[in-house]
PDB file of N, CA and C in Angstrom:
ATOM      1  N   MET A   1      99.999 120.427 105.390  1.00  0.00           N
ATOM      2  CA  MET A   1      99.999 118.873 105.292  1.00  0.00           C
ATOM      3  C   MET A   1      98.842 118.260 105.980  1.00  0.00           C
ATOM      4  N   ASN A   2      98.215 117.259 105.425  1.00  0.00           N
ATOM      5  CA  ASN A   2      96.804 116.511 106.508  1.00  0.00           C
ATOM      6  C   ASN A   2      97.546 115.525 107.524  1.00  0.00           C
ATOM      7  N   LYS A   3      97.297 115.858 108.899  1.00  0.00           N
ATOM      8  CA  LYS A   3      97.942 115.604 109.972  1.00  0.00           C
ATOM      9  C   LYS A   3      97.638 113.877 110.029  1.00  0.00           C
ATOM     10  N   VAL A   4      96.436 113.328 109.404  1.00  0.00           N
ATOM     11  CA  VAL A   4      96.101 112.118 109.594  1.00  0.00           C
ATOM     12  C   VAL A   4      96.754 111.323 108.376  1.00  0.00           C
ATOM     13  N   ILE A   5      97.109 112.132 107.301  1.00  0.00           N
ATOM     14  CA  ILE A   5      97.978 111.593 106.564  1.00  0.00           C
ATOM     15  C   ILE A   5      99.062 111.098 106.953  1.00  0.00           C
ATOM     16  N   LEU A   6      99.839 112.177 107.567  1.00  0.00           N
ATOM     17  CA  LEU A   6     101.232 112.350 108.389  1.00  0.00           C
ATOM     18  C   LEU A   6     101.167 111.111 109.434  1.00  0.00           C
ATOM     19  N   ASP A   7     100.682 111.053 110.403  1.00  0.00           N
ATOM     20  CA  ASP A   7     100.145 110.235 111.183  1.00  0.00           C
ATOM     21  C   ASP A   7     100.461 108.695 110.606  1.00  0.00           C
ATOM     22  N   ASP A   8      99.467 108.314 109.618  1.00  0.00           N
ATOM     23  CA  ASP A   8      99.359 107.288 108.977  1.00  0.00           C
ATOM     24  C   ASP A   8     100.903 106.657 108.427  1.00  0.00           C
ATOM     25  N   PHE A   9     101.597 107.765 107.977  1.00  0.00           N
ATOM     26  CA  PHE A   9     102.395 107.176 107.202  1.00  0.00           C
ATOM     27  C   PHE A   9     103.493 107.200 108.419  1.00  0.00           C
ATOM     28  N   ILE A  10     103.666 107.569 109.353  1.00  0.00           N
ATOM     29  CA  ILE A  10     104.433 107.602 110.526  1.00  0.00           C
ATOM     30  C   ILE A  10     104.631 105.897 111.138  1.00  0.00           C
ATOM     31  N   VAL A  11     103.080 105.993 111.207  1.00  0.00           N
ATOM     32  CA  VAL A  11     102.657 104.142 111.971  1.00  0.00           C
ATOM     33  C   VAL A  11     103.140 103.187 110.809  1.00  0.00           C
ATOM     34  N   GLU A  12     102.906 103.757 109.794  1.00  0.00           N
ATOM     35  CA  GLU A  12     103.605 102.512 108.547  1.00  0.00           C
ATOM     36  C   GLU A  12     104.978 102.082 108.546  1.00  0.00           C
ATOM     37  N   PHE A  13     105.659 103.409 108.917  1.00  0.00           N
ATOM     38  CA  PHE A  13     107.208 103.259 109.183  1.00  0.00           C
ATOM     39  C   PHE A  13     107.624 102.987 110.200  1.00  0.00           C
ATOM     40  N   TYR A  14     106.872 102.695 111.266  1.00  0.00           N
ATOM     41  CA  TYR A  14     107.590 102.097 112.338  1.00  0.00           C
ATOM     42  C   TYR A  14     107.364 100.344 112.691  1.00  0.00           C
ATOM     43  N   ARG A  15     105.996 100.555 111.714  1.00  0.00           N
ATOM     44  CA  ARG A  15     105.785  98.962 111.888  1.00  0.00           C
ATOM     45  C   ARG A  15     106.662  98.158 110.840  1.00  0.00           C
ATOM     46  N   ARG A  16     107.614  99.108 109.754  1.00  0.00           N
ATOM     47  CA  ARG A  16     108.289  98.252 108.958  1.00  0.00           C
ATOM     48  C   ARG A  16     109.824  98.388 109.261  1.00  0.00           C
ATOM     49  N   TYR A  17     110.110  99.652 110.189  1.00  0.00           N
ATOM     50  CA  TYR A  17     111.532  99.714 110.187  1.00  0.00           C
ATOM     51  C   TYR A  17     112.460  98.917 111.007  1.00  0.00           C
ATOM     52  N   ASN A  18     113.381  98.712 110.379  1.00  0.00           N
ATOM     53  CA  ASN A  18     114.460  97.918 111.198  1.00  0.00           C
ATOM     54  C   ASN A  18     115.832  98.626 111.164  1.00  0.00           C
ATOM     55  N   LYS A  19     116.307  99.233 112.514  1.00  0.00           N
ATOM     56  CA  LYS A  19     117.632 100.274 111.995  1.00  0.00           C
ATOM     57  C   LYS A  19     118.774  99.555 111.849  1.00  0.00           C
ATOM     58  N   ASP A  20     118.714  98.000 111.793  1.00  0.00           N
ATOM     59  CA  ASP A  20     119.970  97.173 111.372  1.00  0.00           C
ATOM     60  C   ASP A  20     120.025  96.803 110.196  1.00  0.00           C
ATOM     61  N   THR A  21     118.911  97.152 109.531  1.00  0.00           N
ATOM     62  CA  THR A  21     119.342  96.639 107.739  1.00  0.00           C
ATOM     63  C   THR A  21     118.384  97.880 106.932  1.00  0.00           C
ATOM     64  N   PHE A  22     117.826  98.959 107.522  1.00  0.00           N
ATOM     65  CA  PHE A  22     117.495 100.459 106.932  1.00  0.00           C
ATOM     66  C   PHE A  22     118.253 101.033 106.421  1.00  0.00           C
ATOM     67  N   ASN A  23     118.237 100.960 105.132  1.00  0.00           N
ATOM     68  CA  ASN A  23     118.973 101.997 103.981  1.00  0.00           C
ATOM     69  C   ASN A  23     118.620 103.578 103.803  1.00  0.00           C
ATOM     70  N   GLY A  24     117.086 103.546 103.747  1.00  0.00           N
ATOM     71  CA  GLY A  24     116.683 104.686 103.163  1.00  0.00           C
ATOM     72  C   GLY A  24     115.195 104.497 102.448  1.00  0.00           C
ATOM     73  N   LEU A  25     114.493 105.356 102.127  1.00  0.00           N
ATOM     74  CA  LEU A  25     113.394 105.507 101.464  1.00  0.00           C
ATOM     75  C   LEU A  25     113.432 105.309 100.002  1.00  0.00           C
ATOM     76  N   GLU A  26     112.457 104.904  99.503  1.00  0.00           N
ATOM     77  CA  GLU A  26     112.558 105.096  97.751  1.00  0.00           C
ATOM     78  C   GLU A  26     110.966 105.115  97.425  1.00  0.00           C
ATOM     79  N   VAL A  27     110.932 106.651  96.619  1.00  0.00           N
ATOM     80  CA  VAL A  27     109.779 106.712  96.119  1.00  0.00           C
ATOM     81  C   VAL A  27     109.554 106.240  94.377  1.00  0.00           C
ATOM     82  N   VAL A  28     108.523 105.568  94.029  1.00  0.00           N
ATOM     83  CA  VAL A  28     108.526 104.912  92.657  1.00  0.00           C
ATOM     84  C   VAL A  28     107.217 105.381  91.907  1.00  0.00           C
ATOM     85  N   ASN A  29     106.949 106.409  91.054  1.00  0.00           N
ATOM     86  CA  ASN A  29     106.138 106.766  90.006  1.00  0.00           C
ATOM     87  C   ASN A  29     105.827 105.670  88.886  1.00  0.00           C
ATOM     88  N   ASN A  30     104.855 105.321  89.593  1.00  0.00           N
ATOM     89  CA  ASN A  30     104.165 104.299  88.381  1.00  0.00           C
ATOM     90  C   ASN A  30     103.380 104.919  87.176  1.00  0.00           C
ATOM     91  N   ASP A  31     103.600 105.371  86.206  1.00  0.00           N
ATOM     92  CA  ASP A  31     102.691 106.255  85.298  1.00  0.00           C
ATOM     93  C   ASP A  31     101.457 105.200  85.142  1.00  0.00           C
ATOM     94  N   SER A  32     101.831 103.681  85.065  1.00  0.00           N
ATOM     95  CA  SER A  32     100.844 103.092  84.066  1.00  0.00           C
ATOM     96  C   SER A  32      99.515 102.841  85.152  1.00  0.00           C
ATOM     97  N   MET A  33      99.901 102.721  86.444  1.00  0.00           N
ATOM     98  CA  MET A  33      98.958 102.515  87.610  1.00  0.00           C
ATOM     99  C   MET A  33      98.753 104.348  88.185  1.00  0.00           C
ATOM    100  N   ASP A  34      99.160 105.002  87.752  1.00  0.00           N
ATOM    101  CA  ASP A  34      98.762 106.592  88.068  1.00  0.00           C
ATOM    102  C   ASP A  34      99.222 106.583  89.695  1.00  0.00           C
ATOM    103  N   THR A  35     100.014 105.802  90.317  1.00  0.00           N
ATOM    104  CA  THR A  35     100.502 105.806  91.656  1.00  0.00           C
ATOM    105  C   THR A  35     101.639 106.386  92.212  1.00  0.00           C
ATOM    106  N   SER A  36     101.631 107.071  93.063  1.00  0.00           N
ATOM    107  CA  SER A  36     103.091 107.193  93.696  1.00  0.00           C
ATOM    108  C   SER A  36     103.570 106.290  94.772  1.00  0.00           C
ATOM    109  N   SER A  37     104.766 105.563  95.290  1.00  0.00           N
ATOM    110  CA  SER A  37     104.570 104.631  96.186  1.00  0.00           C
ATOM    111  C   SER A  37     105.787 104.789  96.884  1.00  0.00           C
ATOM    112  N   VAL A  38     105.838 104.646  98.146  1.00  0.00           N
ATOM    113  CA  VAL A  38     107.073 105.064  99.100  1.00  0.00           C
ATOM    114  C   VAL A  38     107.447 103.490  99.647  1.00  0.00           C
ATOM    115  N   PHE A  39     108.667 103.240  99.278  1.00  0.00           N
ATOM    116  CA  PHE A  39     109.424 101.869  99.729  1.00  0.00           C
ATOM    117  C   PHE A  39     110.285 102.358 100.507  1.00  0.00           C
ATOM    118  N   MET A  40     110.445 100.957 101.588  1.00  0.00           N
ATOM    119  CA  MET A  40     112.050 100.862 102.241  1.00  0.00           C
ATOM    120  C   MET A  40     113.102 100.390 101.808  1.00  0.00           C
ATOM    121  N   LYS A  41     114.075 101.036 101.649  1.00  0.00           N
ATOM    122  CA  LYS A  41     115.227 100.123 100.894  1.00  0.00           C
ATOM    123  C   LYS A  41     116.304  99.878 101.933  1.00  0.00           C
ATOM    124  N   MET A  42     116.642  98.466 102.136  1.00  0.00           N
ATOM    125  CA  MET A  42     117.581  97.942 102.631  1.00  0.00           C
ATOM    126  C   MET A  42     119.008  98.145 102.529  1.00  0.00           C
ATOM    127  N   SER A  43     119.811  97.893 103.236  1.00  0.00           N
ATOM    128  CA  SER A  43     121.518  98.087 103.297  1.00  0.00           C
ATOM    129  C   SER A  43     122.001  97.347 102.133  1.00  0.00           C
ATOM    130  N   ASN A  44     121.314  96.081 101.880  1.00  0.00           N
ATOM    131  CA  ASN A  44     121.806  95.489 100.751  1.00  0.00           C
ATOM    132  C   ASN A  44     121.108  96.053  99.445  1.00  0.00           C
ATOM    133  N   GLY A  45     120.414  97.212  99.229  1.00  0.00           N
ATOM    134  CA  GLY A  45     120.358  97.952  98.072  1.00  0.00           C
ATOM    135  C   GLY A  45     118.990  97.440  97.632  1.00  0.00           C
ATOM    136  N   VAL A  46     118.044  96.520  98.292  1.00  0.00           N
ATOM    137  CA  VAL A  46     116.951  95.668  97.844  1.00  0.00           C
ATOM    138  C   VAL A  46     116.096  96.699  98.448  1.00  0.00           C
ATOM    139  N   ARG A  47     114.860  96.962  97.285  1.00  0.00           N
ATOM    140  CA  ARG A  47     113.386  97.458  97.921  1.00  0.00           C
ATOM    141  C   ARG A  47     112.269  96.417  98.784  1.00  0.00           C
ATOM    142  N   ASN A  48     111.854  96.546  99.628  1.00  0.00           N
ATOM    143  CA  ASN A  48     110.959  95.785  99.928  1.00  0.00           C
ATOM    144  C   ASN A  48     109.911  95.815  98.814  1.00  0.00           C
ATOM    145  N   THR A  49     109.159  94.658  98.695  1.00  0.00           N
ATOM    146  CA  THR A  49     108.081  94.401  97.812  1.00  0.00           C
ATOM    147  C   THR A  49     106.815  95.556  98.518  1.00  0.00           C
ATOM    148  N   ASN A  50     106.762  95.698  99.652  1.00  0.00           N
ATOM    149  CA  ASN A  50     105.427  96.258  99.870  1.00  0.00           C
ATOM    150  C   ASN A  50     105.655  97.285 100.327  1.00  0.00           C
ATOM    151  N   PRO A  51     104.944  98.504  99.662  1.00  0.00           N
ATOM    152  CA  PRO A  51     105.231  99.949  99.831  1.00  0.00           C
ATOM    153  C   PRO A  51     104.758 100.204 101.202  1.00  0.00           C
ATOM    154  N   ILE A  52     105.480 101.426 101.990  1.00  0.00           N
ATOM    155  CA  ILE A  52     104.901 101.709 103.236  1.00  0.00           C
ATOM    156  C   ILE A  52     103.613 102.768 103.137  1.00  0.00           C
ATOM    157  N   TYR A  53     103.413 103.240 101.903  1.00  0.00           N
ATOM    158  CA  TYR A  53     102.589 104.247 101.571  1.00  0.00           C
ATOM    159  C   TYR A  53     102.447 104.306 100.062  1.00  0.00           C
ATOM    160  N   SER A  54     101.059 104.650  99.553  1.00  0.00           N
ATOM    161  CA  SER A  54     100.691 104.972  98.130  1.00  0.00           C
ATOM    162  C   SER A  54      99.900 106.071  98.367  1.00  0.00           C
ATOM    163  N   ILE A  55     100.047 106.476  97.414  1.00  0.00           N
ATOM    164  CA  ILE A  55      99.182 108.049  96.714  1.00  0.00           C
ATOM    165  C   ILE A  55      98.567 107.754  95.482  1.00  0.00           C
ATOM    166  N   SER A  56      97.429 107.671  95.307  1.00  0.00           N
ATOM    167  CA  SER A  56      96.734 107.861  93.823  1.00  0.00           C
ATOM    168  C   SER A  56      95.681 108.903  93.684  1.00  0.00           C
ATOM    169  N   PRO A  57      95.978 109.701  92.698  1.00  0.00           N
ATOM    170  CA  PRO A  57      96.307 109.601  91.580  1.00  0.00           C
ATOM    171  C   PRO A  57      97.977 109.758  91.988  1.00  0.00           C
ATOM    172  N   MET A  58      98.793 109.809  91.002  1.00  0.00           N
ATOM    173  CA  MET A  58     100.123 109.947  91.538  1.00  0.00           C
ATOM    174  C   MET A  58     100.268 111.537  91.610  1.00  0.00           C
ATOM    175  N   ASN A  59     101.225 111.684  92.551  1.00  0.00           N
ATOM    176  CA  ASN A  59     101.176 113.243  93.221  1.00  0.00           C
ATOM    177  C   ASN A  59     102.555 113.236  93.809  1.00  0.00           C
ATOM    178  N   ARG A  60     103.521 113.986  92.970  1.00  0.00           N
ATOM    179  CA  ARG A  60     104.884 114.177  93.214  1.00  0.00           C
ATOM    180  C   ARG A  60     104.859 115.377  94.233  1.00  0.00           C
ATOM    181  N   LYS A  61     104.384 116.135  94.170  1.00  0.00           N
ATOM    182  CA  LYS A  61     104.357 117.459  95.332  1.00  0.00           C
ATOM    183  C   LYS A  61     103.667 116.979  96.807  1.00  0.00           C
ATOM    184  N   GLY A  62     102.779 115.992  96.505  1.00  0.00           N
ATOM    185  CA  GLY A  62     102.364 115.688  97.768  1.00  0.00           C
ATOM    186  C   GLY A  62     102.944 114.411  98.741  1.00  0.00           C
ATOM    187  N   ILE A  63     103.726 114.095  98.084  1.00  0.00           N
ATOM    188  CA  ILE A  63     105.273 112.710  98.184  1.00  0.00           C
ATOM    189  C   ILE A  63     106.128 113.765  98.807  1.00  0.00           C
ATOM    190  N   LYS A  64     106.648 114.640  98.378  1.00  0.00           N
ATOM    191  CA  LYS A  64     107.700 115.481  98.792  1.00  0.00           C
ATOM    192  C   LYS A  64     107.133 116.093 100.181  1.00  0.00           C
ATOM    193  N   LEU A  65     105.994 116.540 100.317  1.00  0.00           N
ATOM    194  CA  LEU A  65     105.506 117.512 101.387  1.00  0.00           C
ATOM    195  C   LEU A  65     105.337 116.703 102.646  1.00  0.00           C
ATOM    196  N   LEU A  66     105.013 115.172 102.135  1.00  0.00           N
ATOM    197  CA  LEU A  66     104.862 114.385 103.005  1.00  0.00           C
ATOM    198  C   LEU A  66     106.214 113.776 103.613  1.00  0.00           C
ATOM    199  N   LEU A  67     107.339 113.657 102.828  1.00  0.00           N
ATOM    200  CA  LEU A  67     108.120 113.056 103.343  1.00  0.00           C
ATOM    201  C   LEU A  67     108.980 114.397 104.015  1.00  0.00           C
ATOM    202  N   ASN A  68     109.170 115.481 103.656  1.00  0.00           N
ATOM    203  CA  ASN A  68     109.633 116.492 104.254  1.00  0.00           C
ATOM    204  C   ASN A  68     109.068 116.972 105.806  1.00  0.00           C
ATOM    205  N   GLU A  69     107.852 116.763 105.947  1.00  0.00           N
ATOM    206  CA  GLU A  69     107.264 116.952 107.145  1.00  0.00           C
ATOM    207  C   GLU A  69     107.667 115.670 107.869  1.00  0.00           C
ATOM    208  N   ALA A  70     107.377 114.354 107.392  1.00  0.00           N
ATOM    209  CA  ALA A  70     107.622 113.063 108.528  1.00  0.00           C
ATOM    210  C   ALA A  70     109.445 113.038 108.490  1.00  0.00           C
ATOM    211  N   SER A  71     110.229 113.577 108.052  1.00  0.00           N
ATOM    212  CA  SER A  71     111.666 113.698 108.562  1.00  0.00           C
ATOM    213  C   SER A  71     112.105 114.075 109.445  1.00  0.00           C
ATOM    214  N   LYS A  72     111.149 115.276 109.998  1.00  0.00           N
ATOM    215  CA  LYS A  72     111.179 115.871 111.026  1.00  0.00           C
ATOM    216  C   LYS A  72     110.735 114.861 112.209  1.00  0.00           C
ATOM    217  N   GLN A  73     110.341 113.671 112.122  1.00  0.00           N
ATOM    218  CA  GLN A  73     110.051 113.113 113.524  1.00  0.00           C
ATOM    219  C   GLN A  73     110.786 111.521 113.160  1.00  0.00           C
ATOM    220  N   LEU A  74     111.331 111.258 112.065  1.00  0.00           N
ATOM    221  CA  LEU A  74     111.618 110.068 111.635  1.00  0.00           C
ATOM    222  C   LEU A  74     113.229 109.882 111.167  1.00  0.00           C
ATOM    223  N   PRO A  75     114.001 108.710 111.285  1.00  0.00           N
ATOM    224  CA  PRO A  75     115.305 108.307 111.231  1.00  0.00           C
ATOM    225  C   PRO A  75     115.657 108.180 109.948  1.00  0.00           C
ATOM    226  N   PHE A  76     115.385 109.477 108.843  1.00  0.00           N
ATOM    227  CA  PHE A  76     115.822 109.514 107.776  1.00  0.00           C
ATOM    228  C   PHE A  76     116.132 110.893 107.121  1.00  0.00           C
ATOM    229  N   SER A  77     117.079 110.903 106.355  1.00  0.00           N
ATOM    230  CA  SER A  77     117.656 112.430 105.729  1.00  0.00           C
ATOM    231  C   SER A  77     117.138 112.918 104.444  1.00  0.00           C
ATOM    232  N   GLY A  78     116.878 111.871 103.772  1.00  0.00           N
ATOM    233  CA  GLY A  78     116.546 111.666 102.375  1.00  0.00           C
ATOM    234  C   GLY A  78     115.813 110.714 101.857  1.00  0.00           C
ATOM    235  N   TYR A  79     115.648 110.744 100.634  1.00  0.00           N
ATOM    236  CA  TYR A  79     114.818 109.507  99.734  1.00  0.00           C
ATOM    237  C   TYR A  79     115.467 109.253  98.444  1.00  0.00           C
ATOM    238  N   PHE A  80     115.443 107.998  97.743  1.00  0.00           N
ATOM    239  CA  PHE A  80     115.632 107.490  96.494  1.00  0.00           C
ATOM    240  C   PHE A  80     114.437 107.949  95.705  1.00  0.00           C
ATOM    241  N   TRP A  81     114.740 108.279  94.682  1.00  0.00           N
ATOM    242  CA  TRP A  81     113.608 108.675  93.858  1.00  0.00           C
ATOM    243  C   TRP A  81     113.779 108.291  92.345  1.00  0.00           C
ATOM    244  N   THR A  82     112.756 107.219  91.739  1.00  0.00           N
ATOM    245  CA  THR A  82     112.647 106.847  90.291  1.00  0.00           C
ATOM    246  C   THR A  82     111.310 106.965  89.906  1.00  0.00           C
ATOM    247  N   ASP A  83     111.480 106.994  88.296  1.00  0.00           N
ATOM    248  CA  ASP A  83     110.466 107.839  87.638  1.00  0.00           C
ATOM    249  C   ASP A  83     109.220 106.396  87.120  1.00  0.00           C
ATOM    250  N   ASN A  84     110.155 105.206  87.095  1.00  0.00           N
ATOM    251  CA  ASN A  84     109.761 103.865  86.424  1.00  0.00           C
ATOM    252  C   ASN A  84     110.286 102.584  87.401  1.00  0.00           C
ATOM    253  N   VAL A  85     109.008 102.002  87.351  1.00  0.00           N
ATOM    254  CA  VAL A  85     108.829 100.695  88.015  1.00  0.00           C
ATOM    255  C   VAL A  85     110.121  99.707  87.614  1.00  0.00           C
ATOM    256  N   THR A  86     110.326  99.720  86.158  1.00  0.00           N
ATOM    257  CA  THR A  86     111.589  98.735  85.552  1.00  0.00           C
ATOM    258  C   THR A  86     112.907  99.402  85.418  1.00  0.00           C
ATOM    259  N   ASP A  87     112.702 100.633  86.086  1.00  0.00           N
ATOM    260  CA  ASP A  87     114.182 101.428  85.857  1.00  0.00           C
ATOM    261  C   ASP A  87     114.815 101.074  87.400  1.00  0.00           C
ATOM    262  N   ASN A  88     116.469 100.556  87.247  1.00  0.00           N
ATOM    263  CA  ASN A  88     116.992 100.267  88.531  1.00  0.00           C
ATOM    264  C   ASN A  88     117.728 101.406  89.126  1.00  0.00           C
ATOM    265  N   GLU A  89     117.835 102.536  88.177  1.00  0.00           N
ATOM    266  CA  GLU A  89     118.659 103.729  88.670  1.00  0.00           C
ATOM    267  C   GLU A  89     117.593 104.707  89.308  1.00  0.00           C
ATOM    268  N   THR A  90     118.255 104.916  90.465  1.00  0.00           N
ATOM    269  CA  THR A  90     117.588 105.845  91.319  1.00  0.00           C
ATOM    270  C   THR A  90     118.213 107.062  91.649  1.00  0.00           C
ATOM    271  N   ASP A  91     118.062 107.967  91.955  1.00  0.00           N
ATOM    272  CA  ASP A  91     118.477 109.474  92.722  1.00  0.00           C
ATOM    273  C   ASP A  91     118.018 109.702  94.162  1.00  0.00           C
ATOM    274  N   PHE A  92     119.554 109.982  94.656  1.00  0.00           N
ATOM    275  CA  PHE A  92     119.154 110.332  96.121  1.00  0.00           C
ATOM    276  C   PHE A  92     118.765 111.736  96.364  1.00  0.00           C
ATOM    277  N   VAL A  93     117.489 111.912  96.840  1.00  0.00           N
ATOM    278  CA  VAL A  93     117.380 113.321  97.102  1.00  0.00           C
ATOM    279  C   VAL A  93     117.152 113.761  98.594  1.00  0.00           C
ATOM    280  N   GLN A  94     118.527 114.715  98.851  1.00  0.00           N
ATOM    281  CA  GLN A  94     118.474 114.796 100.489  1.00  0.00           C
ATOM    282  C   GLN A  94     117.187 115.866 100.712  1.00  0.00           C
ATOM    283  N   LEU A  95     116.584 115.793 101.643  1.00  0.00           N
ATOM    284  CA  LEU A  95     115.642 116.551 102.542  1.00  0.00           C
ATOM    285  C   LEU A  95     116.174 118.294 102.962  1.00  0.00           C
ATOM    286  N   SER A  96     115.387 119.180 102.743  1.00  0.00           N
ATOM    287  CA  SER A  96     116.175 120.251 103.147  1.00  0.00           C
ATOM    288  C   SER A  96     115.334 120.669 104.478  1.00  0.00           C
ATOM    289  N   ILE A  97     116.077 120.718 105.689  1.00  0.00           N
ATOM    290  CA  ILE A  97     115.075 120.266 106.942  1.00  0.00           C
ATOM    291  C   ILE A  97     115.634 122.034 107.740  1.00  0.00           C
TER     292      ILE A  97
END
């Protein structure tokens, strides 16, 4: 894992993190834009409109590696995953630490 990418992600996470409303992270793969983006999900189930981090071209393996490494330093144990930006159904993926 590239330390610069990991450090950037951690900085962006804490910039938007609010312990009172944080529910989890959501990864959205957008095929039409060829991007993988990580969003914060709030306790009311709503996804923040601005992503914490984006990787282009879309890279499922890179996002999984980033989140596995980041989870060792950040207060989350898994993430929600969706492969379509118009799809409201998400799957929660537990990190294996």
